[in-house]
């Protein structure tokens, strides 16, 4: 993903402070995730105090970001589902939405 798009992801998510999934409110944050393996995002379990979804802005493109957002949303909604099943669901939904024309539009940087 280009620097412009990474910056757009940060701007976009700065406006989303939290989101409620199935009655559980999650804080939403965007930051680089430091881990041995590259991880696009992390979602805390629904019983975690101060639970949050962390999105790494370093996605390769909008499709990849959409798939990650779907994956983390599914985790937040149905925590007990096996990760391989969640990944398969997110990939299928992302492909369907992409084929239907869903895309992120860049948010212009505010000029003052």
N, C-alpha and C. Protein backbone atom coordinates (compact mmCIF):
# COMPACT_ATOMS: atom_id res chain seq x y z
N UNK A 1 0.86 -1.17 0.00
CA UNK A 1 0.00 0.00 0.00
C UNK A 1 0.90 1.23 0.00
N UNK A 2 0.56 2.20 -0.80
CA UNK A 2 1.39 3.39 -0.87
C UNK A 2 1.28 4.21 0.41
N UNK A 3 2.24 5.09 0.59
CA UNK A 3 2.26 5.95 1.77
C UNK A 3 0.97 6.76 1.87
N UNK A 4 0.48 7.28 0.73
CA UNK A 4 -0.76 8.07 0.74
C UNK A 4 -1.93 7.25 1.27
N UNK A 5 -2.02 5.99 0.85
CA UNK A 5 -3.12 5.15 1.29
C UNK A 5 -2.96 4.79 2.76
N UNK A 6 -1.73 4.51 3.21
CA UNK A 6 -1.51 4.23 4.63
C UNK A 6 -1.93 5.42 5.49
N UNK A 7 -1.57 6.61 5.04
CA UNK A 7 -1.96 7.82 5.78
C UNK A 7 -3.48 7.98 5.77
N UNK A 8 -4.12 7.62 4.67
CA UNK A 8 -5.58 7.68 4.58
C UNK A 8 -6.21 6.73 5.59
N UNK A 9 -5.65 5.54 5.73
CA UNK A 9 -6.17 4.57 6.70
C UNK A 9 -6.10 5.17 8.10
N UNK A 10 -5.00 5.79 8.44
CA UNK A 10 -4.85 6.41 9.77
C UNK A 10 -5.89 7.51 9.94
N UNK A 11 -6.07 8.38 8.93
CA UNK A 11 -7.07 9.46 9.02
C UNK A 11 -8.48 8.88 9.16
N UNK A 12 -8.78 7.87 8.38
CA UNK A 12 -10.11 7.26 8.39
C UNK A 12 -10.45 6.69 9.76
N UNK A 13 -9.53 5.94 10.32
CA UNK A 13 -9.80 5.29 11.59
C UNK A 13 -9.68 6.24 12.78
N UNK A 14 -9.04 7.37 12.60
CA UNK A 14 -8.97 8.37 13.67
C UNK A 14 -10.38 8.85 14.01
N UNK A 15 -11.28 8.82 13.03
CA UNK A 15 -12.65 9.26 13.24
C UNK A 15 -13.51 8.19 13.91
N UNK A 16 -13.06 6.94 13.88
CA UNK A 16 -13.81 5.84 14.49
C UNK A 16 -13.15 5.51 15.82
N UNK A 17 -13.71 6.02 16.88
CA UNK A 17 -13.14 5.80 18.22
C UNK A 17 -13.51 4.43 18.78
N UNK A 18 -14.72 3.97 18.44
CA UNK A 18 -15.17 2.68 18.96
C UNK A 18 -16.29 2.16 18.05
N UNK A 19 -16.60 0.88 18.25
CA UNK A 19 -17.72 0.26 17.54
C UNK A 19 -18.27 -0.85 18.41
N UNK A 20 -19.59 -1.04 18.37
CA UNK A 20 -20.24 -2.07 19.17
C UNK A 20 -20.61 -3.25 18.28
N UNK A 21 -20.14 -4.42 18.67
CA UNK A 21 -20.45 -5.68 17.99
C UNK A 21 -21.21 -6.56 18.96
N UNK A 22 -22.45 -6.91 18.61
CA UNK A 22 -23.28 -7.80 19.44
C UNK A 22 -23.31 -7.36 20.91
N UNK A 23 -23.43 -6.08 21.14
CA UNK A 23 -23.55 -5.56 22.48
C UNK A 23 -22.23 -5.33 23.20
N UNK A 24 -21.11 -5.62 22.54
CA UNK A 24 -19.79 -5.42 23.14
C UNK A 24 -19.09 -4.25 22.45
N UNK A 25 -18.79 -3.22 23.23
CA UNK A 25 -18.15 -2.03 22.68
C UNK A 25 -16.63 -2.24 22.65
N UNK A 26 -16.05 -2.07 21.46
CA UNK A 26 -14.62 -2.20 21.27
C UNK A 26 -14.02 -0.84 20.93
N UNK A 27 -12.92 -0.50 21.57
CA UNK A 27 -12.15 0.66 21.18
C UNK A 27 -11.45 0.29 19.87
N UNK A 28 -11.37 1.22 18.93
CA UNK A 28 -10.70 1.00 17.66
C UNK A 28 -9.43 1.84 17.64
N UNK A 29 -8.29 1.18 17.36
CA UNK A 29 -7.04 1.93 17.27
C UNK A 29 -6.25 1.48 16.05
N UNK A 30 -5.48 2.40 15.50
CA UNK A 30 -4.62 2.11 14.36
C UNK A 30 -3.20 2.34 14.80
N UNK A 31 -2.40 1.29 14.72
CA UNK A 31 -0.98 1.42 15.03
C UNK A 31 -0.25 0.21 14.48
N UNK A 32 1.05 0.39 14.26
CA UNK A 32 1.87 -0.72 13.79
C UNK A 32 1.89 -1.79 14.88
N UNK A 33 1.72 -3.03 14.45
CA UNK A 33 1.74 -4.15 15.38
C UNK A 33 3.12 -4.79 15.26
N UNK A 34 3.84 -4.81 16.37
CA UNK A 34 5.17 -5.41 16.40
C UNK A 34 5.02 -6.84 16.88
N UNK A 35 5.39 -7.78 16.02
CA UNK A 35 5.23 -9.21 16.32
C UNK A 35 6.22 -9.98 15.45
N UNK A 36 6.56 -11.18 15.86
CA UNK A 36 7.49 -12.00 15.08
C UNK A 36 6.98 -12.23 13.66
N UNK A 37 5.72 -12.57 13.54
CA UNK A 37 5.09 -12.73 12.23
C UNK A 37 4.30 -11.46 11.95
N UNK A 38 4.16 -11.12 10.66
CA UNK A 38 3.38 -9.93 10.35
C UNK A 38 1.91 -10.21 10.61
N UNK A 39 1.31 -9.39 11.44
CA UNK A 39 -0.10 -9.50 11.78
C UNK A 39 -0.77 -8.21 11.35
N UNK A 40 -1.88 -8.33 10.61
CA UNK A 40 -2.60 -7.16 10.12
C UNK A 40 -3.46 -6.50 11.18
N UNK A 41 -3.95 -7.29 12.14
CA UNK A 41 -4.85 -6.75 13.15
C UNK A 41 -4.96 -7.72 14.31
N UNK A 42 -5.44 -7.20 15.43
CA UNK A 42 -5.68 -8.01 16.62
C UNK A 42 -7.01 -7.60 17.22
N UNK A 43 -7.77 -8.59 17.70
CA UNK A 43 -9.04 -8.31 18.36
C UNK A 43 -9.02 -8.98 19.73
N UNK A 44 -9.32 -8.20 20.76
CA UNK A 44 -9.43 -8.76 22.11
C UNK A 44 -10.71 -9.56 22.25
N UNK A 45 -10.71 -10.49 23.18
CA UNK A 45 -11.91 -11.28 23.45
C UNK A 45 -13.01 -10.40 24.05
N UNK A 46 -14.26 -10.82 23.91
CA UNK A 46 -15.39 -10.00 24.35
C UNK A 46 -15.45 -9.77 25.86
N UNK A 47 -14.78 -10.59 26.65
CA UNK A 47 -14.79 -10.41 28.10
C UNK A 47 -13.59 -9.63 28.61
N UNK A 48 -12.70 -9.23 27.71
CA UNK A 48 -11.52 -8.46 28.08
C UNK A 48 -11.92 -7.05 28.50
N UNK A 49 -11.45 -6.63 29.67
CA UNK A 49 -11.72 -5.27 30.12
C UNK A 49 -10.95 -4.30 29.22
N UNK A 50 -11.62 -3.26 28.75
CA UNK A 50 -10.97 -2.29 27.86
C UNK A 50 -10.68 -2.88 26.49
N UNK A 51 -11.52 -3.81 26.04
CA UNK A 51 -11.27 -4.51 24.78
C UNK A 51 -11.13 -3.55 23.60
N UNK A 52 -10.30 -3.99 22.65
CA UNK A 52 -10.06 -3.15 21.48
C UNK A 52 -9.74 -4.01 20.26
N UNK A 53 -9.91 -3.37 19.12
CA UNK A 53 -9.48 -3.92 17.85
C UNK A 53 -8.36 -3.01 17.37
N UNK A 54 -7.20 -3.61 17.12
CA UNK A 54 -6.05 -2.85 16.65
C UNK A 54 -5.83 -3.19 15.18
N UNK A 55 -5.79 -2.17 14.34
CA UNK A 55 -5.59 -2.33 12.91
C UNK A 55 -4.22 -1.75 12.55
N UNK A 56 -3.38 -2.56 11.91
CA UNK A 56 -2.08 -2.09 11.43
C UNK A 56 -2.32 -1.39 10.09
N UNK A 57 -1.83 -0.15 9.91
CA UNK A 57 -2.10 0.59 8.67
C UNK A 57 -1.30 0.11 7.47
N UNK A 58 -0.41 -0.85 7.64
CA UNK A 58 0.49 -1.24 6.56
C UNK A 58 -0.09 -2.34 5.66
N UNK A 59 -1.34 -2.21 5.26
CA UNK A 59 -1.95 -3.17 4.34
C UNK A 59 -1.48 -2.88 2.92
N UNK A 60 -1.46 -3.92 2.08
CA UNK A 60 -0.94 -3.72 0.72
C UNK A 60 -1.89 -2.97 -0.19
N UNK A 61 -3.22 -3.07 0.09
CA UNK A 61 -4.19 -2.36 -0.74
C UNK A 61 -5.55 -2.35 -0.05
N UNK A 62 -6.52 -1.71 -0.69
CA UNK A 62 -7.85 -1.59 -0.10
C UNK A 62 -8.56 -2.92 0.07
N UNK A 63 -8.33 -3.84 -0.85
CA UNK A 63 -8.93 -5.17 -0.75
C UNK A 63 -8.43 -5.88 0.50
N UNK A 64 -7.13 -5.82 0.71
CA UNK A 64 -6.51 -6.45 1.87
C UNK A 64 -7.04 -5.85 3.18
N UNK A 65 -7.20 -4.52 3.20
CA UNK A 65 -7.74 -3.85 4.37
C UNK A 65 -9.19 -4.28 4.62
N UNK A 66 -9.99 -4.35 3.56
CA UNK A 66 -11.38 -4.77 3.72
C UNK A 66 -11.47 -6.18 4.28
N UNK A 67 -10.64 -7.07 3.76
CA UNK A 67 -10.65 -8.45 4.25
C UNK A 67 -10.28 -8.50 5.75
N UNK A 68 -9.30 -7.71 6.13
CA UNK A 68 -8.89 -7.65 7.54
C UNK A 68 -10.00 -7.09 8.41
N UNK A 69 -10.67 -6.04 7.95
CA UNK A 69 -11.76 -5.46 8.73
C UNK A 69 -12.89 -6.45 8.91
N UNK A 70 -13.21 -7.21 7.86
CA UNK A 70 -14.24 -8.25 7.98
C UNK A 70 -13.80 -9.33 8.95
N UNK A 71 -12.56 -9.76 8.84
CA UNK A 71 -12.02 -10.80 9.73
C UNK A 71 -12.14 -10.39 11.19
N UNK A 72 -11.70 -9.18 11.49
CA UNK A 72 -11.73 -8.72 12.89
C UNK A 72 -13.17 -8.50 13.36
N UNK A 73 -14.05 -8.07 12.47
CA UNK A 73 -15.46 -7.90 12.84
C UNK A 73 -16.09 -9.24 13.17
N UNK A 74 -15.75 -10.26 12.40
CA UNK A 74 -16.28 -11.61 12.69
C UNK A 74 -15.76 -12.09 14.03
N UNK A 75 -14.47 -11.88 14.29
CA UNK A 75 -13.93 -12.26 15.61
C UNK A 75 -14.69 -11.56 16.73
N UNK A 76 -14.95 -10.27 16.56
CA UNK A 76 -15.65 -9.51 17.60
C UNK A 76 -17.08 -10.01 17.80
N UNK A 77 -17.71 -10.47 16.72
CA UNK A 77 -19.09 -10.95 16.81
C UNK A 77 -19.19 -12.39 17.30
N UNK A 78 -18.25 -13.21 16.88
CA UNK A 78 -18.32 -14.65 17.18
C UNK A 78 -16.94 -15.14 17.61
N UNK A 79 -16.55 -14.77 18.80
CA UNK A 79 -15.21 -15.00 19.33
C UNK A 79 -14.80 -16.47 19.32
N UNK A 80 -15.73 -17.39 19.54
CA UNK A 80 -15.39 -18.80 19.71
C UNK A 80 -15.17 -19.57 18.41
N UNK A 81 -15.34 -18.92 17.26
CA UNK A 81 -15.16 -19.61 15.98
C UNK A 81 -13.66 -19.78 15.70
N UNK A 82 -13.30 -20.93 15.17
CA UNK A 82 -11.93 -21.24 14.79
C UNK A 82 -11.39 -20.19 13.82
N UNK A 83 -10.14 -19.78 14.00
CA UNK A 83 -9.55 -18.72 13.19
C UNK A 83 -9.53 -19.08 11.69
N UNK A 84 -9.31 -20.35 11.35
CA UNK A 84 -9.32 -20.75 9.95
C UNK A 84 -10.70 -20.53 9.32
N UNK A 85 -11.75 -20.80 10.09
CA UNK A 85 -13.12 -20.59 9.61
C UNK A 85 -13.38 -19.09 9.43
N UNK A 86 -12.93 -18.29 10.41
CA UNK A 86 -13.09 -16.83 10.32
C UNK A 86 -12.38 -16.30 9.08
N UNK A 87 -11.16 -16.76 8.86
CA UNK A 87 -10.39 -16.30 7.70
C UNK A 87 -11.12 -16.66 6.40
N UNK A 88 -11.63 -17.88 6.31
CA UNK A 88 -12.36 -18.32 5.13
C UNK A 88 -13.61 -17.47 4.91
N UNK A 89 -14.34 -17.18 5.99
CA UNK A 89 -15.54 -16.34 5.88
C UNK A 89 -15.17 -14.94 5.40
N UNK A 90 -14.14 -14.34 6.00
CA UNK A 90 -13.74 -12.98 5.64
C UNK A 90 -13.28 -12.91 4.19
N UNK A 91 -12.54 -13.91 3.74
CA UNK A 91 -12.07 -13.93 2.35
C UNK A 91 -13.24 -14.01 1.38
N UNK A 92 -14.21 -14.87 1.69
CA UNK A 92 -15.39 -15.00 0.83
C UNK A 92 -16.21 -13.72 0.78
N UNK A 93 -16.41 -13.09 1.94
CA UNK A 93 -17.17 -11.83 1.98
C UNK A 93 -16.44 -10.72 1.26
N UNK A 94 -15.12 -10.62 1.47
CA UNK A 94 -14.34 -9.57 0.81
C UNK A 94 -14.40 -9.72 -0.71
N UNK A 95 -14.27 -10.93 -1.18
CA UNK A 95 -14.32 -11.17 -2.63
C UNK A 95 -15.70 -10.78 -3.18
N UNK A 96 -16.75 -11.15 -2.47
CA UNK A 96 -18.11 -10.82 -2.88
C UNK A 96 -18.31 -9.30 -2.95
N UNK A 97 -17.92 -8.60 -1.88
CA UNK A 97 -18.09 -7.14 -1.84
C UNK A 97 -17.23 -6.46 -2.90
N UNK A 98 -16.01 -6.94 -3.11
CA UNK A 98 -15.12 -6.36 -4.11
C UNK A 98 -15.70 -6.52 -5.51
N UNK A 99 -16.23 -7.73 -5.79
CA UNK A 99 -16.84 -7.99 -7.09
C UNK A 99 -18.06 -7.10 -7.31
N UNK A 100 -18.74 -6.73 -6.21
CA UNK A 100 -19.92 -5.86 -6.29
C UNK A 100 -19.54 -4.39 -6.42
N UNK A 101 -18.23 -4.09 -6.32
CA UNK A 101 -17.77 -2.72 -6.55
C UNK A 101 -17.47 -1.90 -5.32
N UNK A 102 -17.49 -2.50 -4.15
CA UNK A 102 -17.19 -1.74 -2.93
C UNK A 102 -15.70 -1.42 -2.87
N UNK A 103 -15.40 -0.13 -2.68
CA UNK A 103 -14.02 0.35 -2.59
C UNK A 103 -13.96 1.47 -1.56
N UNK A 104 -12.80 1.68 -0.98
CA UNK A 104 -12.58 2.83 -0.12
C UNK A 104 -12.18 4.01 -0.99
N UNK A 105 -12.76 5.16 -0.72
CA UNK A 105 -12.34 6.37 -1.40
C UNK A 105 -11.36 7.07 -0.49
N UNK A 106 -10.29 7.60 -1.07
CA UNK A 106 -9.31 8.32 -0.27
C UNK A 106 -9.95 9.55 0.35
N UNK A 107 -9.65 9.77 1.61
CA UNK A 107 -10.11 10.97 2.30
C UNK A 107 -9.04 12.03 2.12
N UNK A 108 -9.37 13.15 1.49
CA UNK A 108 -8.35 14.18 1.29
C UNK A 108 -7.83 14.71 2.63
N UNK A 109 -6.55 14.98 2.66
CA UNK A 109 -5.95 15.56 3.86
C UNK A 109 -6.50 16.96 4.05
N UNK A 110 -6.86 17.28 5.28
CA UNK A 110 -7.42 18.60 5.57
C UNK A 110 -6.37 19.68 5.31
N UNK A 111 -6.78 20.72 4.63
CA UNK A 111 -5.87 21.83 4.39
C UNK A 111 -6.41 23.04 5.11
N UNK A 112 -5.51 23.76 5.75
CA UNK A 112 -5.95 24.96 6.47
C UNK A 112 -5.14 26.15 6.05
